[in-house]
Amino acid sequence: MTDIRIEQLHVPDNLDGEGAADFLRAVEVSRQVRVGTWGNDDLAYTGEELLALCHDPYEWYVMLVARLDGQIVGRAGIAMPLDDHTELAHVTLDVLPSAEGRSLGRRLLEAAESFVRGENRRVVVVETNHSATELQSEQEGGGDERLLHPAAGPGALTLENRQARFAHNAGYQLERVEHFSSCALPFPAERAAELLASAAASHGDEYAVHQWTDSCPEEWAADVARLEAEMGQPAGEGPWDVAHMREAEEISQSTGRHTLVTAAESRASGRLVGYTSISVLGKRDDVVFQDDTVMEDGHRGRELGLRMKLANLQLLARDYPNPHAIYTWNSAEDTHLIEINARMGFTVAGVTGQWRKSFDPGD
């Protein structure tokens, strides 16, 4: 008789201590799931990264595991913010393909929901990841009646997909569909020169570029905070000001990450009108992530975003030459950035579905 158990995993103090073997097995489960989805482990946590996440002072991270005859074959990571959004819990589910078909995903999700409701969390957010190849084959086999459209923005997922069907059947609403794309590094110098020439022809010398790593220079701090506040990020966190920005910088640096920023100053006004950033992981140097690109509306359409992104890649190549790829996510409705990324050679690897489920506090 098959023995299935769902239990909370003890988080060790270090990777050499008591309980480290089970912790590393859970890390390996997540790695194998991502290899199965994307064909590589670029998006997988290392043991060091996940351990740091579990000890984040601003977020309570709990891990549940599924054991099949004593072996860890699945896990649910539960991230619960401690300072803002205290009604939320983000749940990440991973089950080895070899263990599918035994309702482990459903049991892990139910256990995670029970846990977070016991902590007075009223909203659970989960993600589903879908490779471009997988989506193409599934959409070819289903009609429009099998498509799920998000509550916000364009895009769709098909119920032919196992993950989408799982989330839908569990009572989650598809909130948003994001494009996931990648670009090989190093970026070709000839291509960069060609694109920079195009950008220069579009806006001339109307803008000055400024760059920094990790900490924004004080002279630009108010401008960056203003741009972030105008963008509405992070959503729901109240007024976004320099103090919030400095705290976010400290949190990022405490994890070992580095943030490379290129910003554009309007020479006419003397203030920043846009910026873009890249994150370099603290525990691995072979992949990096394109983060926010923010631009004031009056300066869009002049290839300024393209110029900033290219300049930031040049900064990356100078200071961090090892990455073989850069990854990014874009909301499906952000056609402007998607077009810029396509010109730079980013290729769509797939999409990520953002799903949400709310619980009545009285339930």
Protein backbone atom coordinates (compact mmCIF):
# COMPACT_ATOMS: atom_id res chain seq x y z
CA MET A 1 0.00 0.00 0.00
CA THR A 2 1.35 3.42 -0.98
CA ASP A 3 2.07 5.73 1.97
CA ILE A 4 1.42 9.44 1.26
CA ARG A 5 2.11 12.11 3.89
CA ILE A 6 1.91 15.91 3.79
CA GLU A 7 4.01 17.60 6.47
CA GLN A 8 5.76 20.86 7.27
CA LEU A 9 9.46 20.78 6.51
CA HIS A 10 11.94 21.86 9.14
CA VAL A 11 14.14 24.67 7.79
CA PRO A 12 17.77 24.15 8.84
CA ASP A 13 20.02 26.92 10.06
CA ASN A 14 22.56 25.99 7.39
CA LEU A 15 22.97 23.44 4.61
CA ASP A 16 25.34 21.31 6.68
CA GLY A 17 23.10 21.09 9.74
CA GLU A 18 20.30 18.88 10.95
CA GLY A 19 17.48 18.54 8.43
CA ALA A 20 19.56 19.81 5.54
CA ALA A 21 19.18 16.59 3.56
CA ASP A 22 15.38 16.88 3.38
CA PHE A 23 15.62 20.58 2.62
CA LEU A 24 18.02 19.96 -0.27
CA ARG A 25 15.77 17.16 -1.55
CA ALA A 26 12.89 19.66 -1.70
CA VAL A 27 15.16 22.07 -3.58
CA GLU A 28 15.99 19.32 -6.05
CA VAL A 29 12.30 18.57 -6.60
CA SER A 30 11.76 22.21 -7.59
CA ARG A 31 14.80 22.13 -9.86
CA GLN A 32 13.58 19.04 -11.70
CA VAL A 33 10.12 20.54 -12.19
CA ARG A 34 11.62 23.65 -13.80
CA VAL A 35 13.85 21.59 -16.04
CA GLY A 36 10.75 19.72 -17.15
CA THR A 37 8.92 22.96 -17.92
CA TRP A 38 11.64 25.14 -19.47
CA GLY A 39 14.30 22.64 -20.54
CA ASN A 40 16.92 24.03 -18.12
CA ASP A 41 17.33 24.97 -14.46
CA ASP A 42 17.98 28.68 -14.99
CA LEU A 43 14.86 29.60 -13.00
CA ALA A 44 15.46 27.14 -10.16
CA TYR A 45 16.50 28.19 -6.68
CA THR A 46 19.82 26.98 -5.41
CA GLY A 47 19.87 25.64 -1.87
CA GLU A 48 21.57 28.80 -0.67
CA GLU A 49 18.97 31.06 -2.32
CA LEU A 50 16.00 29.18 -0.91
CA LEU A 51 17.56 29.05 2.55
CA ALA A 52 18.04 32.83 2.45
CA LEU A 53 14.40 33.20 1.42
CA CYS A 54 13.32 31.08 4.40
CA HIS A 55 15.19 33.45 6.74
CA ASP A 56 13.92 36.70 5.16
CA PRO A 57 12.97 39.01 8.06
CA TYR A 58 10.28 40.73 5.95
CA GLU A 59 8.52 37.59 4.73
CA TRP A 60 7.57 34.38 6.51
CA TYR A 61 8.37 31.45 4.25
CA VAL A 62 7.00 28.00 5.13
CA MET A 63 7.55 24.80 3.19
CA LEU A 64 5.23 21.80 3.10
CA VAL A 65 6.39 18.57 1.50
CA ALA A 66 4.66 15.52 0.09
CA ARG A 67 6.28 12.18 0.92
CA LEU A 68 5.56 9.13 -1.17
CA ASP A 69 6.69 6.00 0.68
CA GLY A 70 9.00 8.20 2.71
CA GLN A 71 10.58 10.05 -0.23
CA ILE A 72 9.98 13.76 -0.85
CA VAL A 73 8.35 14.05 -4.28
CA GLY A 74 6.53 17.37 -3.97
CA ARG A 75 6.57 20.64 -2.11
CA ALA A 76 4.49 23.75 -1.48
CA GLY A 77 6.34 26.98 -0.72
CA ILE A 78 4.21 29.49 1.19
CA ALA A 79 5.40 33.11 1.24
CA MET A 80 3.57 35.45 3.63
CA PRO A 81 4.55 39.16 3.73
CA LEU A 82 5.05 40.47 7.25
CA ASP A 83 4.96 44.25 6.81
CA ASP A 84 2.55 44.96 3.93
CA HIS A 85 -0.13 42.85 2.24
CA THR A 86 -0.61 40.82 5.40
CA GLU A 87 -3.85 39.39 3.97
CA LEU A 88 -1.89 37.65 1.19
CA ALA A 89 -0.10 34.34 0.81
CA HIS A 90 1.81 33.27 -2.31
CA VAL A 91 1.91 29.52 -2.85
CA THR A 92 4.33 27.73 -5.20
CA LEU A 93 3.56 24.09 -6.00
CA ASP A 94 6.05 21.56 -7.37
CA VAL A 95 5.38 17.84 -7.90
CA LEU A 96 7.75 15.50 -9.71
CA PRO A 97 6.29 14.23 -13.00
CA SER A 98 6.99 10.67 -11.87
CA ALA A 99 4.67 11.22 -8.87
CA GLU A 100 1.77 12.81 -10.75
CA GLY A 101 -1.63 11.16 -10.85
CA ARG A 102 -1.83 10.60 -7.09
CA SER A 103 -3.56 13.92 -6.20
CA LEU A 104 -0.39 15.16 -4.49
CA GLY A 105 -0.77 18.64 -5.96
CA ARG A 106 -4.35 18.89 -4.73
CA ARG A 107 -3.41 17.66 -1.25
CA LEU A 108 -0.46 20.04 -1.02
CA LEU A 109 -2.61 22.99 -2.10
CA GLU A 110 -5.38 22.10 0.35
CA ALA A 111 -2.82 21.81 3.16
CA ALA A 112 -1.28 25.16 2.18
CA GLU A 113 -4.70 26.83 2.10
CA SER A 114 -5.55 25.40 5.52
CA PHE A 115 -2.24 26.68 6.90
CA VAL A 116 -2.59 30.22 5.59
CA ARG A 117 -6.22 30.51 6.67
CA GLY A 118 -5.07 29.57 10.16
CA GLU A 119 -2.73 32.57 9.93
CA ASN A 120 -5.66 34.85 8.94
CA ARG A 121 -4.53 35.16 5.34
CA ARG A 122 -7.61 35.76 3.19
CA VAL A 123 -6.14 35.70 -0.32
CA VAL A 124 -3.97 33.01 -1.93
CA VAL A 125 -2.04 33.68 -5.13
CA VAL A 126 -0.52 30.88 -7.22
CA GLU A 127 1.36 30.81 -10.53
CA THR A 128 1.25 28.34 -13.37
CA ASN A 129 4.07 28.18 -15.92
CA HIS A 130 3.55 27.19 -19.54
CA SER A 131 6.24 26.76 -22.18
CA ALA A 132 5.60 28.10 -25.68
CA THR A 133 5.85 24.61 -27.17
CA GLU A 134 3.37 23.21 -24.69
CA LEU A 135 0.86 26.00 -25.30
CA GLN A 136 1.04 25.71 -29.06
CA SER A 137 0.24 22.01 -29.09
CA GLU A 138 -2.62 22.42 -26.60
CA GLN A 139 -4.25 25.38 -28.33
CA GLU A 140 -4.18 23.50 -31.63
CA GLY A 141 -6.26 20.78 -30.02
CA GLY A 142 -8.97 22.93 -28.40
CA GLY A 143 -11.61 25.42 -29.43
CA ASP A 144 -12.36 28.85 -28.05
CA GLU A 145 -14.77 27.38 -25.53
CA ARG A 146 -11.78 25.79 -23.77
CA LEU A 147 -9.98 29.12 -23.31
CA LEU A 148 -9.77 30.98 -20.01
CA HIS A 149 -9.38 34.76 -20.29
CA PRO A 150 -7.83 36.74 -17.42
CA ALA A 151 -9.69 39.26 -15.31
CA ALA A 152 -7.21 41.95 -16.38
CA GLY A 153 -5.42 42.37 -19.69
CA PRO A 154 -5.23 40.27 -22.83
CA GLY A 155 -4.00 36.71 -23.29
CA ALA A 156 -5.58 33.38 -22.43
CA LEU A 157 -4.83 29.90 -21.15
CA THR A 158 -6.50 26.75 -22.33
CA LEU A 159 -8.23 24.21 -20.12
CA GLU A 160 -6.43 21.59 -22.18
CA ASN A 161 -3.43 22.50 -20.04
CA ARG A 162 -3.10 20.36 -16.91
CA GLN A 163 -1.89 23.19 -14.66
CA ALA A 164 -4.55 25.65 -15.81
CA ARG A 165 -7.27 23.04 -15.36
CA PHE A 166 -5.91 22.22 -11.88
CA ALA A 167 -5.99 25.88 -10.74
CA HIS A 168 -9.41 26.45 -12.28
CA ASN A 169 -10.90 23.34 -10.66
CA ALA A 170 -9.42 24.38 -7.31
CA GLY A 171 -11.48 27.56 -7.40
CA TYR A 172 -8.80 30.02 -8.54
CA GLN A 173 -9.53 32.88 -10.92
CA LEU A 174 -7.08 33.72 -13.68
CA GLU A 175 -6.06 37.30 -12.92
CA ARG A 176 -3.35 38.02 -15.48
CA VAL A 177 -1.23 36.41 -18.18
CA GLU A 178 2.41 37.48 -18.47
CA HIS A 179 4.84 36.87 -21.32
CA PHE A 180 8.07 35.19 -20.30
CA SER A 181 11.02 35.71 -22.64
CA SER A 182 14.79 35.39 -22.77
CA CYS A 183 17.78 36.76 -24.65
CA ALA A 184 21.15 35.08 -25.06
CA LEU A 185 24.21 36.83 -23.67
CA PRO A 186 26.65 38.34 -24.35
CA PHE A 187 24.63 40.74 -26.45
CA PRO A 188 26.17 41.08 -29.95
CA ALA A 189 28.19 44.29 -30.16
CA GLU A 190 27.23 44.96 -33.79
CA ARG A 191 23.54 44.59 -33.01
CA ALA A 192 23.89 46.92 -29.99
CA ALA A 193 25.62 49.57 -32.12
CA GLU A 194 22.89 49.36 -34.77
CA LEU A 195 20.09 49.76 -32.23
CA LEU A 196 21.86 52.58 -30.39
CA ALA A 197 22.26 54.46 -33.66
CA SER A 198 18.53 54.07 -34.28
CA ALA A 199 17.76 55.40 -30.79
CA ALA A 200 20.12 58.36 -31.26
CA ALA A 201 18.42 59.25 -34.52
CA SER A 202 15.05 59.22 -32.73
CA HIS A 203 15.80 61.51 -29.79
CA GLY A 204 19.24 63.04 -30.44
CA ASP A 205 20.92 64.54 -27.39
CA GLU A 206 17.73 65.44 -25.50
CA TYR A 207 18.56 62.99 -22.73
CA ALA A 208 21.55 62.25 -20.52
CA VAL A 209 22.10 58.70 -19.23
CA HIS A 210 23.10 57.97 -15.61
CA GLN A 211 24.04 54.59 -14.16
CA TRP A 212 24.56 53.05 -10.73
CA THR A 213 24.65 49.70 -8.95
CA ASP A 214 22.69 48.76 -5.81
CA SER A 215 22.12 52.22 -4.30
CA CYS A 216 20.63 55.22 -6.08
CA PRO A 217 22.73 58.39 -5.79
CA GLU A 218 21.08 60.88 -3.48
CA GLU A 219 20.66 63.46 -6.24
CA TRP A 220 18.35 61.13 -8.16
CA ALA A 221 16.60 59.41 -5.22
CA ALA A 222 13.51 61.63 -5.22
CA ASP A 223 13.10 61.26 -8.98
CA VAL A 224 13.32 57.45 -8.86
CA ALA A 225 10.84 57.29 -5.97
CA ARG A 226 8.50 59.54 -7.93
CA LEU A 227 8.72 57.35 -11.03
CA GLU A 228 8.04 54.23 -8.97
CA ALA A 229 5.05 55.88 -7.29
CA GLU A 230 3.66 56.98 -10.66
CA MET A 231 4.03 53.42 -11.94
CA GLY A 232 1.87 52.24 -9.04
CA GLN A 233 4.45 49.76 -7.76
CA PRO A 234 4.46 48.04 -5.43
CA ALA A 235 0.69 48.00 -5.64
CA GLY A 236 -1.26 48.62 -2.48
CA GLU A 237 1.73 49.49 -0.33
CA GLY A 238 0.75 53.08 0.31
CA PRO A 239 2.87 56.11 -0.55
CA TRP A 240 6.12 55.10 -2.23
CA ASP A 241 8.86 57.47 -1.18
CA VAL A 242 12.63 57.63 -0.76
CA ALA A 243 12.47 55.87 2.62
CA HIS A 244 10.60 52.93 1.07
CA MET A 245 13.08 52.84 -1.79
CA ARG A 246 16.08 52.78 0.56
CA GLU A 247 14.50 49.96 2.54
CA ALA A 248 13.93 47.96 -0.65
CA GLU A 249 17.58 48.51 -1.62
CA GLU A 250 18.75 47.22 1.77
CA ILE A 251 16.56 44.14 1.56
CA SER A 252 17.86 43.30 -1.91
CA GLN A 253 21.49 43.75 -0.88
CA SER A 254 20.97 41.62 2.24
CA THR A 255 20.19 38.64 -0.02
CA GLY A 256 23.45 39.11 -1.94
CA ARG A 257 21.70 40.42 -5.05
CA HIS A 258 23.03 43.31 -7.08
CA THR A 259 20.84 45.76 -8.99
CA LEU A 260 22.13 47.57 -12.07
CA VAL A 261 20.24 50.70 -13.04
CA THR A 262 20.34 52.98 -16.06
CA ALA A 263 18.23 56.14 -15.91
CA ALA A 264 17.48 58.91 -18.38
CA GLU A 265 17.51 62.61 -17.50
CA SER A 266 15.63 65.09 -19.63
CA ARG A 267 18.12 67.87 -20.35
CA ALA A 268 15.24 70.30 -20.69
CA SER A 269 13.79 69.70 -17.22
CA GLY A 270 16.85 68.38 -15.39
CA ARG A 271 14.90 65.49 -13.87
CA LEU A 272 14.76 61.76 -14.52
CA VAL A 273 11.99 60.63 -16.85
CA GLY A 274 12.70 56.90 -16.93
CA TYR A 275 14.88 54.06 -15.72
CA THR A 276 15.48 50.34 -16.20
CA SER A 277 17.06 47.75 -13.91
CA ILE A 278 18.70 44.32 -14.02
CA SER A 279 19.01 41.94 -11.06
CA VAL A 280 22.13 39.80 -10.60
CA LEU A 281 21.61 36.86 -8.25
CA GLY A 282 23.80 36.54 -5.19
CA LYS A 283 24.37 32.77 -5.39
CA ARG A 284 24.79 32.18 -9.12
CA ASP A 285 26.26 34.29 -11.88
CA ASP A 286 25.11 32.51 -15.03
CA VAL A 287 21.64 34.08 -15.37
CA VAL A 288 20.25 37.57 -14.73
CA PHE A 289 16.79 39.12 -14.77
CA GLN A 290 15.47 42.21 -16.50
CA ASP A 291 13.32 43.98 -13.92
CA ASP A 292 11.21 47.13 -14.19
CA THR A 293 11.47 49.58 -17.05
CA VAL A 294 9.61 52.79 -16.18
CA MET A 295 8.96 55.73 -18.48
CA GLU A 296 6.91 58.92 -18.21
CA ASP A 297 4.17 58.91 -20.83
CA GLY A 298 5.38 62.08 -22.54
CA HIS A 299 8.70 60.44 -23.39
CA ARG A 300 7.47 57.16 -24.85
CA GLY A 301 7.75 56.31 -28.52
CA ARG A 302 11.21 57.88 -28.95
CA GLU A 303 13.32 54.74 -28.39
CA LEU A 304 14.47 55.99 -25.00
CA GLY A 305 13.53 52.69 -23.37
CA LEU A 306 15.63 50.89 -25.97
CA ARG A 307 18.61 53.13 -25.26
CA MET A 308 18.38 52.60 -21.50
CA LYS A 309 18.08 48.83 -21.82
CA LEU A 310 21.09 48.64 -24.16
CA ALA A 311 23.18 50.86 -21.89
CA ASN A 312 22.29 48.68 -18.92
CA LEU A 313 23.38 45.57 -20.82
CA GLN A 314 26.70 47.29 -21.49
CA LEU A 315 27.06 47.97 -17.76
CA LEU A 316 26.25 44.32 -17.07
CA ALA A 317 28.84 43.08 -19.58
CA ARG A 318 31.48 45.30 -18.00
CA ASP A 319 30.87 44.37 -14.37
CA TYR A 320 29.27 40.91 -14.61
CA PRO A 321 30.46 39.14 -17.78
CA ASN A 322 29.44 35.56 -16.90
CA PRO A 323 25.66 35.35 -17.56
CA HIS A 324 24.62 33.34 -20.58
CA ALA A 325 21.02 34.60 -20.61
CA ILE A 326 18.76 37.37 -19.38
CA TYR A 327 15.10 36.67 -18.57
CA THR A 328 12.10 38.95 -18.25
CA TRP A 329 8.34 38.94 -17.68
CA ASN A 330 5.95 41.44 -19.27
CA SER A 331 2.22 41.90 -18.88
CA ALA A 332 0.54 40.89 -22.11
CA GLU A 333 -0.92 44.39 -22.50
CA ASP A 334 2.49 46.07 -22.32
CA THR A 335 2.97 45.93 -26.07
CA HIS A 336 5.50 48.79 -26.03
CA LEU A 337 8.06 46.90 -23.93
CA ILE A 338 7.30 43.62 -25.67
CA GLU A 339 8.11 45.31 -29.01
CA ILE A 340 11.37 46.73 -27.61
CA ASN A 341 12.38 43.31 -26.29
CA ALA A 342 11.62 41.72 -29.66
CA ARG A 343 13.87 44.26 -31.43
CA MET A 344 16.65 43.36 -29.00
CA GLY A 345 16.33 39.67 -29.79
CA PHE A 346 14.27 38.43 -26.86
CA THR A 347 12.30 35.31 -27.77
CA VAL A 348 9.10 34.25 -26.03
CA ALA A 349 9.69 31.11 -23.98
CA GLY A 350 6.14 30.87 -22.67
CA VAL A 351 3.68 32.53 -20.34
CA THR A 352 2.97 32.64 -16.63
CA GLY A 353 -0.57 32.61 -15.31
CA GLN A 354 -1.34 34.58 -12.14
CA TRP A 355 -4.25 33.03 -10.23
CA ARG A 356 -6.10 34.31 -7.18
CA LYS A 357 -8.51 32.83 -4.66
CA SER A 358 -10.21 34.78 -1.87
CA PHE A 359 -11.61 33.31 1.34
CA ASP A 360 -14.44 34.82 3.37
CA PRO A 361 -13.06 35.64 6.84
CA GLY A 362 -16.07 33.99 8.40
CA ASP A 363 -15.63 30.64 6.67
